[in-house]
Amino acid sequence: MIRIGLIIASFAVFALSCSFDLETINKIIDAETEPDLTFENFETLHFDSARLQMRMISPVVKQFSSASEQRQEFPEGLHVWLYENSGEVSTEITAKWAKRNLETNIWEARDSVVVINADGRVLETEQLFWDANEAILYSERYTKITQSDGSWASGNSFRALQDFSRYTLDNSSGIGRTVIYVRDEENDLDEEN
């Protein structure tokens, strides 16, 4: 009887020590905060029908496949180029921090976000969302858009096509380019001031 009691007690101590170790491991490795994979000096190219659609580089990418929100994080920023079917760059995006939801394919960029389109239009904001499936950009933060001629507009929220060819700003203000012509009666010339 004593022998059976010692065996049961030993088994109980062993079982408790194993569960304690698993608890400790689970506390150390939290799927929500610890990535499954980490990549350094990451570069990826996305093709569709043998045409380059996107190029992205980032110093560090952390992938959280076991987390409740499956995602990739770019804690040191990223640089993205989106391409037209012709091979020309249509949009360029930079940010100091970003995240991509792996289930919805919605990207969030934060901290010094800059978007430049092929026409030279520049968007600046502190937070930007990119829905890659719907090919739209949007923000609920202050956004400034500068045209290639130097005129600009800003607003408290923003929505645009991915190539930034069409956009809307809510609660907007801005400065447009104004040209004033003065008639010189002596020489009958129009001069730009």
Foldseek 3Di string as FASTA:
>chain_A
DVVVVVVVVVVVVVVVVVVVVVVVVCVVDPLAPAAPDKDAQDWDWDDDPNATAKIKTAGMWGFRCPDPQGKIKRQQWMWMFGADSVRHTAKIWIARIKMARPVQRKIKGAHFIWMAGPQGKIKTFGIKIARPVQQKIKDQAWMKIAGPVGWIKIARMKMAGNSRPDIDHPPMDIGDDDWDWDQDVVVRDTDTD
